[in-house]
Amino acid sequence: MLNCSRSIDIHSRFGIPRIAFISSVTVVITFLVSFEMFHYYSNVPFTDRHFLIFIISMICLYPLHKLIHVLTVLPYFRYIKIYKLMPKKWVPFYNIFLDKPVHKSYFCICLIAPLIVISILCVIIATKSPHYGHYLMFLLALNAGFSVMDILYLKVILFCKRGQYVEEHVNGFVLLEKNGKSDYMSIG
């Protein structure tokens, strides 16, 4: 039996405008730092060829980010719920959440996976094709901006001492802990 130890609504806790601001600042700072570091270590001229591929990559980055979230929770596939954030708008932003409690450490890995996977991919591709490094560093920065919400979730979960399980809902998540009694009957 699981008992609720803490309920957290990220949107009301931080506010949508503040989250959008943090995300925008994260994109700018991450791009400036990553681009300078990349430019320092690779002394090749950048090219602006294949700009259309870069635009398509930017458009596909958000769905790829969400796909990595879904792939990390594949064992719980039947419990995945999809909720459109702005139902009356044409903007396709979705919130994907699990309708089943999962262990806190597994949930944290699922939160941070898109940031790590896409960042590593961008760095590897940028080292193989340094002429397009500025495109890839911007994709890395844009993904970091998409990951702000995940990092806020991660921060709250890691700094909360109570609760071994996490259950998501449309407007936030609940930290759960096991009841003191055993769930199983002892046999003789």
Protein backbone atom coordinates (compact mmCIF):
# COMPACT_ATOMS: atom_id res chain seq x y z
CA MET A 1 0.00 0.00 0.00
CA LEU A 2 1.36 3.43 -0.96
CA ASN A 3 0.63 6.60 0.96
CA CYS A 4 0.98 10.14 -0.35
CA SER A 5 3.90 11.96 1.24
CA ARG A 6 3.88 15.08 -0.95
CA SER A 7 1.92 16.48 -3.88
CA ILE A 8 3.65 18.96 -6.20
CA ASP A 9 2.22 21.05 -9.02
CA ILE A 10 5.15 22.47 -11.00
CA HIS A 11 3.02 24.91 -12.99
CA SER A 12 1.53 26.58 -9.92
CA ARG A 13 4.78 26.35 -7.97
CA PHE A 14 6.95 28.09 -10.57
CA GLY A 15 4.40 29.63 -12.95
CA ILE A 16 4.27 29.29 -16.73
CA PRO A 17 5.84 32.73 -17.45
CA ARG A 18 8.74 32.00 -15.10
CA ILE A 19 9.30 28.55 -16.62
CA ALA A 20 9.24 30.07 -20.14
CA PHE A 21 11.73 32.75 -19.05
CA ILE A 22 14.06 30.19 -17.44
CA SER A 23 13.82 28.05 -20.56
CA SER A 24 14.66 30.98 -22.87
CA VAL A 25 17.60 32.07 -20.74
CA THR A 26 18.81 28.47 -20.63
CA VAL A 27 18.78 28.27 -24.43
CA VAL A 28 20.76 31.51 -24.81
CA ILE A 29 23.35 30.75 -22.11
CA THR A 30 23.79 27.13 -23.20
CA PHE A 31 24.29 28.18 -26.82
CA LEU A 32 26.82 30.89 -25.92
CA VAL A 33 28.84 28.57 -23.68
CA SER A 34 28.69 25.50 -25.93
CA PHE A 35 29.42 27.48 -29.09
CA GLU A 36 32.43 29.21 -27.54
CA MET A 37 33.78 25.92 -26.22
CA PHE A 38 33.26 24.22 -29.58
CA HIS A 39 34.76 27.12 -31.50
CA TYR A 40 37.79 27.15 -29.18
CA TYR A 41 38.56 23.47 -29.80
CA SER A 42 37.76 23.35 -33.51
CA ASN A 43 39.41 25.88 -35.73
CA VAL A 44 37.36 25.30 -38.90
CA PRO A 45 35.22 27.82 -40.75
CA PHE A 46 31.48 27.36 -40.31
CA THR A 47 29.17 27.03 -43.27
CA ASP A 48 25.51 27.91 -43.65
CA ARG A 49 24.78 25.29 -46.28
CA HIS A 50 21.94 22.88 -45.55
CA PHE A 51 20.05 25.51 -43.58
CA LEU A 52 16.75 23.83 -44.48
CA ILE A 53 17.92 20.61 -42.82
CA PHE A 54 18.74 22.65 -39.73
CA ILE A 55 15.21 24.14 -39.67
CA ILE A 56 13.66 20.67 -40.08
CA SER A 57 15.92 19.40 -37.28
CA MET A 58 14.71 22.21 -35.02
CA ILE A 59 11.09 21.30 -35.74
CA CYS A 60 11.74 17.58 -35.12
CA LEU A 61 13.69 18.15 -31.90
CA TYR A 62 10.67 18.49 -29.60
CA PRO A 63 8.99 15.29 -30.86
CA LEU A 64 12.35 13.49 -30.56
CA HIS A 65 12.67 14.75 -26.98
CA LYS A 66 9.20 13.38 -26.16
CA LEU A 67 9.95 10.12 -27.98
CA ILE A 68 13.01 9.52 -25.79
CA HIS A 69 10.80 10.06 -22.73
CA VAL A 70 8.37 7.45 -24.07
CA LEU A 71 11.17 4.99 -24.89
CA THR A 72 12.56 5.21 -21.37
CA VAL A 73 9.18 4.31 -19.85
CA LEU A 74 8.48 1.54 -22.37
CA PRO A 75 8.01 -1.10 -19.64
CA TYR A 76 5.04 0.96 -18.44
CA PHE A 77 3.64 1.57 -21.94
CA ARG A 78 0.04 0.72 -21.10
CA TYR A 79 0.04 3.32 -18.32
CA ILE A 80 1.21 6.21 -20.54
CA LYS A 81 -1.31 9.04 -20.86
CA ILE A 82 -0.99 11.91 -23.34
CA TYR A 83 -2.48 15.30 -22.55
CA LYS A 84 -2.46 18.26 -24.97
CA LEU A 85 -1.31 21.34 -23.05
CA MET A 86 -3.25 23.85 -25.15
CA PRO A 87 -6.28 21.98 -26.49
CA LYS A 88 -7.80 24.89 -28.44
CA LYS A 89 -4.53 26.05 -29.99
CA TRP A 90 -2.81 24.68 -33.08
CA VAL A 91 0.50 24.40 -31.21
CA PRO A 92 1.18 20.67 -30.69
CA PHE A 93 2.64 20.70 -27.16
CA TYR A 94 1.85 17.55 -25.25
CA ASN A 95 2.45 16.39 -21.72
CA ILE A 96 3.19 12.69 -21.42
CA PHE A 97 2.73 11.15 -18.01
CA LEU A 98 2.47 7.76 -16.34
CA ASP A 99 -0.67 6.75 -14.53
CA LYS A 100 1.18 4.28 -12.30
CA PRO A 101 3.68 4.78 -9.48
CA VAL A 102 7.29 4.14 -10.47
CA HIS A 103 10.41 4.10 -8.35
CA LYS A 104 11.99 7.50 -7.75
CA SER A 105 15.40 6.62 -9.22
CA TYR A 106 13.85 5.15 -12.40
CA PHE A 107 11.68 8.24 -12.79
CA CYS A 108 14.75 10.49 -12.44
CA ILE A 109 16.57 8.52 -15.16
CA CYS A 110 13.53 8.91 -17.43
CA LEU A 111 13.49 12.66 -16.79
CA ILE A 112 17.13 13.29 -17.60
CA ALA A 113 17.48 10.80 -20.52
CA PRO A 114 16.48 13.17 -23.39
CA LEU A 115 18.90 15.86 -22.22
CA ILE A 116 21.80 13.42 -22.02
CA VAL A 117 21.05 11.44 -25.20
CA ILE A 118 20.44 14.42 -27.48
CA SER A 119 23.38 16.39 -26.04
CA ILE A 120 25.75 13.48 -26.61
CA LEU A 121 24.42 12.99 -30.14
CA CYS A 122 24.89 16.69 -30.94
CA VAL A 123 28.46 16.71 -29.61
CA ILE A 124 29.39 13.52 -31.49
CA ILE A 125 27.93 14.77 -34.78
CA ALA A 126 29.55 18.17 -34.28
CA THR A 127 32.98 16.58 -33.82
CA LYS A 128 32.46 14.50 -36.98
CA SER A 129 31.18 17.50 -39.02
CA PRO A 130 32.74 20.59 -37.44
CA HIS A 131 31.61 22.85 -40.29
CA TYR A 132 28.05 22.47 -38.96
CA GLY A 133 29.02 22.77 -35.30
CA HIS A 134 27.09 26.01 -34.82
CA TYR A 135 23.88 24.30 -35.96
CA LEU A 136 24.43 21.39 -33.62
CA MET A 137 25.33 23.59 -30.67
CA PHE A 138 22.07 25.47 -31.18
CA LEU A 139 20.15 22.17 -31.28
CA LEU A 140 21.92 21.18 -28.06
CA ALA A 141 20.92 24.51 -26.48
CA LEU A 142 17.33 24.23 -27.70
CA ASN A 143 17.07 20.76 -26.20
CA ALA A 144 18.41 22.14 -22.92
CA GLY A 145 15.58 24.68 -23.03
CA PHE A 146 13.06 21.89 -23.60
CA SER A 147 14.57 20.06 -20.62
CA VAL A 148 14.01 22.90 -18.14
CA MET A 149 10.70 21.43 -16.99
CA ASP A 150 12.36 18.02 -16.56
CA ILE A 151 15.16 19.58 -14.53
CA LEU A 152 12.64 21.37 -12.31
CA TYR A 153 10.87 18.06 -11.70
CA LEU A 154 14.24 16.44 -11.00
CA LYS A 155 15.24 19.16 -8.55
CA VAL A 156 12.06 18.80 -6.52
CA ILE A 157 12.20 15.00 -6.50
CA LEU A 158 15.86 14.78 -5.51
CA PHE A 159 15.62 17.32 -2.70
CA CYS A 160 12.52 15.75 -1.20
CA LYS A 161 13.65 13.17 1.35
CA ARG A 162 10.28 11.47 1.68
CA GLY A 163 8.70 9.16 -0.85
CA GLN A 164 10.24 6.29 -2.78
CA TYR A 165 7.73 6.30 -5.65
CA VAL A 166 6.48 8.95 -8.07
CA GLU A 167 3.07 9.07 -9.68
CA GLU A 168 2.36 11.71 -12.32
CA HIS A 169 -0.89 13.49 -12.98
CA VAL A 170 -1.98 16.09 -15.52
CA ASN A 171 -1.09 19.00 -13.25
CA GLY A 172 1.91 17.65 -11.38
CA PHE A 173 3.10 14.61 -9.49
CA VAL A 174 2.73 12.89 -6.16
CA LEU A 175 5.56 11.41 -4.11
CA LEU A 176 4.46 8.17 -2.47
CA GLU A 177 5.96 6.02 0.22
CA LYS A 178 5.24 2.47 1.26
CA ASN A 179 2.93 1.86 4.17
CA GLY A 180 4.56 0.51 7.31
CA LYS A 181 2.62 -2.76 7.10
CA SER A 182 3.67 -5.50 4.74
CA ASP A 183 1.55 -5.98 1.65
CA TYR A 184 2.02 -9.74 1.77
CA MET A 185 0.61 -12.24 4.22
CA SER A 186 3.20 -14.30 6.01
CA ILE A 187 2.94 -18.05 5.61
CA GLY A 188 3.23 -20.11 8.72
